[in-house]
């Protein structure tokens, strides 16, 4: 009997195309890997800490399953630190995509278009700044692409998860606003944000829904901050285990270092009050070095060194890594900021004392948000393993003299 002829392929014939499409939808619904969006060096550091902490049996997120998308701002200092952090991430086997999302008129559209595919395939999304409009837009796009997987609608992620890693003290405000169902607004912002904020409000509301847990949506916060999560939000403690394993312990100088903040640049604290407080702290504690925040202006730093004699240090990495590598002072002074929570963890067991100086309400500008004082006090009051100081005395702000015209 002849055995010739052509046997049909098991994936051919009536209904095979529909079966293949259904299989593709099933694979897409499961998702593959983790996609992280970061815009600052600290966010990228905390993505690495999260990958280390959540590795099964201490092994963490496998390198091939994590892709970090860097959306750098225009600020040169931030970009430099981000490039150094990207090198460290690649050394850890993490895939890094550098997207010039703010590079020109067509850059945002090009970036968004290039990320639609990865957003559809990712089984988990990690965000470093839930207040970022860029990140909120991407989350909104991820939702629309996933509505049912086949255009059938719906409002879930199909079992996919979202993780928010620390972006400093802003994480505290994010969790509070999420618990209250409030609009996502940075703590130092005053007012509603104007016409642009109103136009963006639907996207922001959609992003907030994406970061609200439900039966189909897992939400995790990875934080070293003291946060009280809403119901169904999982909090994983960030103790900087990766940083401590990768760097140090540091050599201690025996002196005192002072850590700068961007409270002046964000319009919260009056510049003259801030400069006076820095000078007073430097004199009282014998500080010799000033570790500049990446957002501090060159003019302000020039005044600090001219008026106080402090050596300005521009870190090329987040301060947690710089301090862990050393050398670092035996005492580190700071105003209320993220580092009063993170440095004690990164420097655990090294003998370094972190001291935080409260901000006097008189230092605040007239444009500061009404929430500013309470928020800064909360940052200080909830810090563990630090020593607190009363606000440093500072001269009153300089007022213009009488007109001679």
Protein backbone atom coordinates (compact mmCIF):
# COMPACT_ATOMS: atom_id res chain seq x y z
CA UNK A 1 0.00 0.00 0.00
CA UNK A 2 1.32 3.34 -0.93
CA UNK A 3 2.50 5.54 1.89
CA UNK A 4 2.94 8.56 -0.32
CA UNK A 5 1.06 11.82 0.00
CA UNK A 6 1.27 14.85 2.28
CA UNK A 7 0.15 14.60 5.91
CA UNK A 8 -1.35 17.80 7.34
CA UNK A 9 0.76 19.71 9.87
CA UNK A 10 -0.82 19.53 13.34
CA UNK A 11 -1.00 23.34 13.42
CA UNK A 12 -2.70 23.64 10.04
CA UNK A 13 -6.28 23.15 8.95
CA UNK A 14 -9.55 24.73 10.06
CA UNK A 15 -9.32 26.58 13.36
CA UNK A 16 -5.52 26.37 13.58
CA UNK A 17 -5.05 30.12 13.14
CA UNK A 18 -7.48 30.86 15.95
CA UNK A 19 -5.71 28.33 18.17
CA UNK A 20 -2.33 29.93 17.51
CA UNK A 21 -3.73 33.39 18.27
CA UNK A 22 -5.25 32.10 21.50
CA UNK A 23 -1.90 30.56 22.47
CA UNK A 24 -0.13 33.85 21.82
CA UNK A 25 -2.69 35.69 23.96
CA UNK A 26 -2.16 33.17 26.75
CA UNK A 27 1.61 33.64 26.63
CA UNK A 28 1.17 37.43 26.57
CA UNK A 29 -1.21 37.28 29.53
CA UNK A 30 1.40 35.43 31.57
CA UNK A 31 4.06 37.97 30.60
CA UNK A 32 7.80 37.58 30.65
CA UNK A 33 10.32 39.33 32.82
CA UNK A 34 10.36 42.62 34.70
CA UNK A 35 10.53 46.11 33.21
CA UNK A 36 11.78 48.93 35.47
CA UNK A 37 11.54 52.68 34.77
CA UNK A 38 14.01 54.98 36.53
CA UNK A 39 14.79 58.69 36.22
CA UNK A 40 17.33 59.20 39.01
CA UNK A 41 20.45 57.45 40.35
CA UNK A 42 18.72 56.64 43.68
CA UNK A 43 15.85 54.97 41.87
CA UNK A 44 18.27 52.77 39.91
CA UNK A 45 20.15 51.91 43.10
CA UNK A 46 16.91 50.83 44.72
CA UNK A 47 15.95 48.71 41.72
CA UNK A 48 19.25 46.84 42.22
CA UNK A 49 18.50 46.52 45.93
CA UNK A 50 15.02 45.19 45.11
CA UNK A 51 16.39 42.62 42.66
CA UNK A 52 18.88 41.47 45.30
CA UNK A 53 16.30 41.32 48.10
CA UNK A 54 13.62 39.49 46.14
CA UNK A 55 15.86 36.85 44.63
CA UNK A 56 14.52 33.37 45.54
CA UNK A 57 16.68 31.89 48.28
CA UNK A 58 18.79 35.03 48.22
CA UNK A 59 19.38 34.66 44.52
CA UNK A 60 16.95 37.43 43.47
CA UNK A 61 15.59 38.47 40.09
CA UNK A 62 17.59 36.61 37.47
CA UNK A 63 19.62 39.02 35.37
CA UNK A 64 17.99 38.00 32.08
CA UNK A 65 14.52 38.70 33.49
CA UNK A 66 15.14 42.34 34.51
CA UNK A 67 15.39 45.23 32.09
CA UNK A 68 15.91 48.75 33.40
CA UNK A 69 14.75 51.61 31.20
CA UNK A 70 16.61 54.83 32.07
CA UNK A 71 14.69 58.03 31.26
CA UNK A 72 17.39 60.62 32.04
CA UNK A 73 16.59 64.28 32.78
CA UNK A 74 18.59 67.10 31.22
CA UNK A 75 20.52 67.93 34.40
CA UNK A 76 24.24 67.08 33.80
CA UNK A 77 24.95 65.94 37.39
CA UNK A 78 22.00 63.56 37.40
CA UNK A 79 22.92 62.20 33.99
CA UNK A 80 26.50 61.57 35.10
CA UNK A 81 25.41 59.64 38.18
CA UNK A 82 22.88 57.70 36.13
CA UNK A 83 25.57 56.62 33.67
CA UNK A 84 27.75 55.37 36.53
CA UNK A 85 24.79 53.51 38.06
CA UNK A 86 23.97 52.01 34.66
CA UNK A 87 27.53 50.63 34.52
CA UNK A 88 27.08 49.02 37.93
CA UNK A 89 23.75 47.53 36.83
CA UNK A 90 25.31 46.02 33.73
CA UNK A 91 28.11 44.60 35.90
CA UNK A 92 25.35 42.81 37.82
CA UNK A 93 24.03 41.30 34.60
CA UNK A 94 21.03 43.61 34.31
CA UNK A 95 19.91 44.76 30.85
CA UNK A 96 19.85 48.56 30.63
CA UNK A 97 18.08 50.65 27.98
CA UNK A 98 19.06 54.32 27.88
CA UNK A 99 16.16 56.27 26.36
CA UNK A 100 16.61 59.97 25.56
CA UNK A 101 12.95 60.64 26.24
CA UNK A 102 13.56 64.38 26.70
CA UNK A 103 16.02 64.77 23.82
CA UNK A 104 13.92 66.88 21.47
CA UNK A 105 10.51 67.53 19.94
CA UNK A 106 10.04 64.00 18.62
CA UNK A 107 11.83 62.17 21.43
CA UNK A 108 8.82 61.49 23.70
CA UNK A 109 6.75 59.94 20.91
CA UNK A 110 9.69 57.85 19.69
CA UNK A 111 10.43 56.61 23.21
CA UNK A 112 6.83 55.72 23.95
CA UNK A 113 6.48 53.86 20.64
CA UNK A 114 9.63 51.84 21.33
CA UNK A 115 8.34 50.80 24.77
CA UNK A 116 4.87 49.59 23.82
CA UNK A 117 6.12 46.08 22.99
CA UNK A 118 8.15 45.61 26.20
CA UNK A 119 5.23 47.00 28.22
CA UNK A 120 2.87 44.43 26.71
CA UNK A 121 5.29 41.56 27.38
CA UNK A 122 6.37 42.41 30.92
CA UNK A 123 4.97 40.32 33.74
CA UNK A 124 5.89 43.00 36.28
CA UNK A 125 6.45 46.76 36.15
CA UNK A 126 8.81 48.51 38.58
CA UNK A 127 8.63 52.30 38.93
CA UNK A 128 11.00 54.58 40.79
CA UNK A 129 8.89 57.75 40.75
CA UNK A 130 5.11 57.31 40.79
CA UNK A 131 4.74 61.12 40.65
CA UNK A 132 6.55 61.34 37.30
CA UNK A 133 4.24 62.33 34.46
CA UNK A 134 6.34 60.30 32.06
CA UNK A 135 5.98 57.18 34.20
CA UNK A 136 2.26 57.83 34.66
CA UNK A 137 1.84 58.06 30.89
CA UNK A 138 3.67 54.76 30.38
CA UNK A 139 1.51 53.06 33.02
CA UNK A 140 -1.58 54.37 31.26
CA UNK A 141 -0.36 52.95 27.95
CA UNK A 142 0.43 49.62 29.58
CA UNK A 143 -3.13 49.48 30.85
CA UNK A 144 -4.69 50.19 27.46
CA UNK A 145 -2.53 47.60 25.76
CA UNK A 146 -3.54 45.01 28.33
CA UNK A 147 -7.28 45.63 28.41
CA UNK A 148 -8.34 42.04 28.02
CA UNK A 149 -5.32 41.25 25.84
CA UNK A 150 -7.52 41.12 22.74
CA UNK A 151 -9.29 44.45 22.83
CA UNK A 152 -12.11 43.08 24.95
CA UNK A 153 -11.78 45.76 27.60
CA UNK A 154 -11.31 45.47 31.33
CA UNK A 155 -9.34 47.35 33.93
CA UNK A 156 -6.88 44.80 35.30
CA UNK A 157 -3.35 43.67 34.65
CA UNK A 158 -4.35 40.03 34.22
CA UNK A 159 -2.44 39.03 37.36
CA UNK A 160 0.60 41.14 36.55
CA UNK A 161 2.28 43.03 39.35
CA UNK A 162 3.56 46.53 39.97
CA UNK A 163 6.38 47.46 42.33
CA UNK A 164 7.19 50.96 43.58
CA UNK A 165 10.78 51.31 44.77
CA UNK A 166 12.04 54.20 46.86
CA UNK A 167 12.50 57.62 45.32
CA UNK A 168 13.55 59.00 48.67
CA UNK A 169 11.18 60.60 51.14
CA UNK A 170 8.60 61.08 48.36
CA UNK A 171 7.68 57.43 48.89
CA UNK A 172 6.18 58.37 52.27
CA UNK A 173 3.90 60.91 50.61
CA UNK A 174 2.98 58.52 47.80
CA UNK A 175 1.82 55.81 50.21
CA UNK A 176 -0.18 58.34 52.25
CA UNK A 177 -1.92 59.72 49.15
CA UNK A 178 -2.58 56.21 47.84
CA UNK A 179 -4.18 55.20 51.14
CA UNK A 180 -6.43 58.29 51.10
CA UNK A 181 -7.32 57.95 47.43
CA UNK A 182 -5.91 61.41 46.79
CA UNK A 183 -4.46 62.90 43.62
CA UNK A 184 -0.72 62.20 43.29
CA UNK A 185 1.05 65.51 44.04
CA UNK A 186 4.62 65.99 45.28
CA UNK A 187 4.75 67.18 48.88
CA UNK A 188 6.62 70.41 48.12
CA UNK A 189 4.24 71.52 45.36
CA UNK A 190 1.86 74.37 46.19
CA UNK A 191 -1.53 74.65 44.53
CA UNK A 192 -3.25 72.52 41.89
CA UNK A 193 -0.55 72.78 39.24
CA UNK A 194 -2.29 74.96 36.65
CA UNK A 195 -3.67 74.19 33.20
CA UNK A 196 -1.09 71.53 32.34
CA UNK A 197 -1.96 69.57 35.48
CA UNK A 198 -5.65 69.81 34.63
CA UNK A 199 -5.04 68.46 31.13
CA UNK A 200 -2.94 65.62 32.53
CA UNK A 201 -5.43 64.78 35.30
CA UNK A 202 -7.13 61.86 33.47
CA UNK A 203 -3.77 60.15 32.86
CA UNK A 204 -2.69 60.76 36.45
CA UNK A 205 -5.97 59.27 37.70
CA UNK A 206 -5.46 56.23 35.48
CA UNK A 207 -1.92 55.78 36.83
CA UNK A 208 -3.20 55.99 40.39
CA UNK A 209 -5.68 53.21 39.62
CA UNK A 210 -2.85 51.14 38.18
CA UNK A 211 -1.00 51.51 41.49
CA UNK A 212 -4.03 50.61 43.58
CA UNK A 213 -4.23 46.92 44.51
CA UNK A 214 -7.15 44.69 43.56
CA UNK A 215 -7.94 41.02 43.06
CA UNK A 216 -6.23 41.15 39.66
CA UNK A 217 -3.48 43.60 40.55
CA UNK A 218 -0.59 42.98 42.93
CA UNK A 219 1.11 46.09 44.34
CA UNK A 220 4.35 46.07 46.30
CA UNK A 221 6.30 48.94 47.86
CA UNK A 222 10.02 48.34 48.36
CA UNK A 223 11.19 50.95 50.85
CA UNK A 224 13.57 51.92 53.61
CA UNK A 225 11.13 54.68 54.60
CA UNK A 226 8.64 54.33 57.48
CA UNK A 227 5.41 53.77 55.56
CA UNK A 228 1.94 52.64 56.59
CA UNK A 229 0.63 50.86 53.50
CA UNK A 230 -3.02 50.71 52.48
CA UNK A 231 -4.84 47.40 52.66
CA UNK A 232 -3.56 44.78 50.18
CA UNK A 233 -0.31 46.67 49.50
CA UNK A 234 2.74 44.57 50.37
CA UNK A 235 5.75 46.36 51.86
CA UNK A 236 9.20 44.81 51.50
CA UNK A 237 11.91 46.34 53.65
CA UNK A 238 14.96 47.77 51.88
CA UNK A 239 17.95 47.33 54.21
CA UNK A 240 20.62 48.08 51.56
CA UNK A 241 21.94 44.52 51.67
CA UNK A 242 23.30 44.77 48.11
CA UNK A 243 25.19 47.99 48.90
CA UNK A 244 26.73 46.50 52.04
CA UNK A 245 27.72 43.31 50.24
CA UNK A 246 29.15 45.14 47.22
CA UNK A 247 31.09 47.99 48.88
CA UNK A 248 33.13 48.71 51.98
CA UNK A 249 33.39 48.82 54.85
CA UNK A 250 34.70 52.37 54.52
CA UNK A 251 37.73 54.03 56.07
CA UNK A 252 36.59 56.65 58.60
CA UNK A 253 38.27 60.05 58.62
CA UNK A 254 37.43 60.78 62.24
CA UNK A 255 36.02 64.17 61.26
CA UNK A 256 32.55 65.48 60.42
CA UNK A 257 30.91 65.66 57.01
CA UNK A 258 27.81 67.69 56.12
CA UNK A 259 25.24 66.49 53.58
CA UNK A 260 23.55 69.05 51.35
CA UNK A 261 19.91 69.14 50.27
CA UNK A 262 17.88 70.62 47.42
CA UNK A 263 15.40 72.33 49.75
CA UNK A 264 16.46 75.71 48.38
CA UNK A 265 16.21 74.58 44.76
CA UNK A 266 12.69 73.21 45.29
CA UNK A 267 11.58 76.54 46.79
CA UNK A 268 10.97 75.20 50.30
CA UNK A 269 13.74 76.93 52.29
CA UNK A 270 15.03 80.49 51.99
CA UNK A 271 18.59 80.51 50.56
CA UNK A 272 19.99 82.98 53.15
CA UNK A 273 18.54 80.98 56.03
CA UNK A 274 19.97 77.79 54.58
CA UNK A 275 23.45 79.27 54.12
CA UNK A 276 23.38 80.61 57.66
CA UNK A 277 22.40 77.21 59.04
CA UNK A 278 25.18 75.47 57.09
CA UNK A 279 27.75 77.93 58.42
CA UNK A 280 26.47 77.51 61.99
CA UNK A 281 26.58 73.69 61.80
CA UNK A 282 30.05 73.70 60.27
CA UNK A 283 31.40 75.90 63.08
CA UNK A 284 29.67 74.02 65.89
CA UNK A 285 30.68 70.53 64.72
CA UNK A 286 33.96 71.15 62.95
CA UNK A 287 32.69 69.96 59.58
CA UNK A 288 35.23 70.09 56.77
CA UNK A 289 33.41 68.60 53.78
CA UNK A 290 30.03 69.32 52.19
CA UNK A 291 28.54 66.51 50.05
CA UNK A 292 26.44 68.35 47.48
CA UNK A 293 23.04 67.15 46.38
CA UNK A 294 22.97 66.57 42.64
CA UNK A 295 20.34 69.32 42.19
CA UNK A 296 22.18 72.05 44.09
CA UNK A 297 23.11 75.05 41.98
CA UNK A 298 26.72 75.96 41.25
CA UNK A 299 26.19 79.53 42.55
CA UNK A 300 24.90 78.28 45.89
CA UNK A 301 27.79 75.82 46.28
CA UNK A 302 30.28 78.57 45.44
CA UNK A 303 28.82 80.72 48.20
CA UNK A 304 28.98 77.84 50.67
CA UNK A 305 32.68 77.24 50.12
CA UNK A 306 33.47 80.98 50.03
CA UNK A 307 31.57 81.77 53.25
CA UNK A 308 32.29 78.63 55.29
CA UNK A 309 35.53 77.18 53.94
CA UNK A 310 33.86 73.78 53.47
CA UNK A 311 35.28 71.57 50.75
CA UNK A 312 32.55 70.84 48.21
CA UNK A 313 32.33 67.17 47.17
CA UNK A 314 30.28 66.35 44.07
CA UNK A 315 29.50 62.61 44.38
CA UNK A 316 29.58 60.58 41.17
CA UNK A 317 27.16 58.03 42.68
CA UNK A 318 24.32 58.13 45.23
CA UNK A 319 25.61 59.09 48.67
CA UNK A 320 24.81 55.65 50.12
CA UNK A 321 27.40 54.13 47.77
CA UNK A 322 29.91 56.97 48.15
CA UNK A 323 29.73 56.74 51.95
CA UNK A 324 29.99 52.96 51.91
CA UNK A 325 33.09 53.10 49.70
CA UNK A 326 34.61 55.81 51.90
CA UNK A 327 36.44 57.60 53.20
CA UNK A 328 33.64 59.13 55.28
CA UNK A 329 33.51 61.14 58.48
CA UNK A 330 32.79 59.45 61.77
CA UNK A 331 29.89 61.93 62.10
CA UNK A 332 27.58 62.80 59.20
CA UNK A 333 25.28 65.84 59.56
CA UNK A 334 22.15 66.25 57.46
CA UNK A 335 18.98 68.27 57.23
CA UNK A 336 15.71 66.30 56.91
CA UNK A 337 16.15 64.21 53.78
CA UNK A 338 16.24 60.67 52.50
CA UNK A 339 19.76 60.02 53.79
CA UNK A 340 18.72 60.20 57.45
CA UNK A 341 16.83 56.98 56.74
CA UNK A 342 19.19 55.31 54.27
CA UNK A 343 22.68 56.08 55.59
CA UNK A 344 22.19 54.31 58.94
CA UNK A 345 21.26 51.19 56.95
CA UNK A 346 24.05 51.44 54.40
CA UNK A 347 26.63 52.21 57.12
CA UNK A 348 25.37 49.72 59.70
CA UNK A 349 28.21 48.35 61.81
CA UNK A 350 30.78 50.91 60.64
CA UNK A 351 30.69 53.20 63.69
CA UNK A 352 29.40 56.23 61.75
CA UNK A 353 26.87 58.44 63.59
CA UNK A 354 24.20 60.17 61.50
CA UNK A 355 22.92 63.44 62.98
CA UNK A 356 19.84 65.25 61.66
CA UNK A 357 19.20 68.96 62.15
CA UNK A 358 15.54 70.04 62.13
CA UNK A 359 14.35 72.81 59.84
CA UNK A 360 13.03 75.86 61.70
CA UNK A 361 9.62 77.00 60.36
CA UNK A 362 11.14 80.48 60.00
CA UNK A 363 13.39 79.14 57.24
CA UNK A 364 10.48 78.29 54.95
CA UNK A 365 9.71 80.54 52.00
CA UNK A 366 6.34 82.15 51.49
CA UNK A 367 5.90 79.88 48.46
CA UNK A 368 6.47 76.67 50.42
CA UNK A 369 3.61 74.20 50.44
CA UNK A 370 1.47 74.33 53.61
CA UNK A 371 2.39 70.65 54.07
CA UNK A 372 6.14 71.32 54.03
CA UNK A 373 6.81 71.80 57.75
CA UNK A 374 4.74 68.82 58.84
CA UNK A 375 6.31 66.61 56.19
CA UNK A 376 9.89 67.61 57.10
CA UNK A 377 9.17 67.08 60.79
CA UNK A 378 7.83 63.64 59.95
CA UNK A 379 10.98 62.79 58.01
CA UNK A 380 13.09 63.67 61.04
CA UNK A 381 10.81 62.19 63.68
CA UNK A 382 10.54 58.79 62.03
CA UNK A 383 14.27 58.34 61.33
CA UNK A 384 15.86 55.47 63.23
CA UNK A 385 19.39 55.18 64.59
CA UNK A 386 20.10 58.91 64.22
CA UNK A 387 20.79 61.72 66.66
CA UNK A 388 18.54 64.79 66.46
CA UNK A 389 19.60 68.43 66.76
CA UNK A 390 17.47 71.51 67.28
CA UNK A 391 17.42 73.86 64.25
CA UNK A 392 20.76 75.58 63.77
CA UNK A 393 20.64 79.33 64.43
CA UNK A 394 20.84 81.39 61.28
CA UNK A 395 20.67 85.10 60.46
CA UNK A 396 17.41 86.57 59.17
CA UNK A 397 17.12 86.85 55.40
CA UNK A 398 18.68 89.98 53.89
CA UNK A 399 16.10 92.64 53.08
CA UNK A 400 16.68 95.27 50.40
CA UNK A 401 17.62 98.65 51.80
CA UNK A 402 15.57 101.84 51.37
CA UNK A 403 15.51 103.30 47.91
CA UNK A 404 17.84 106.27 47.32
CA UNK A 405 16.30 107.28 44.06
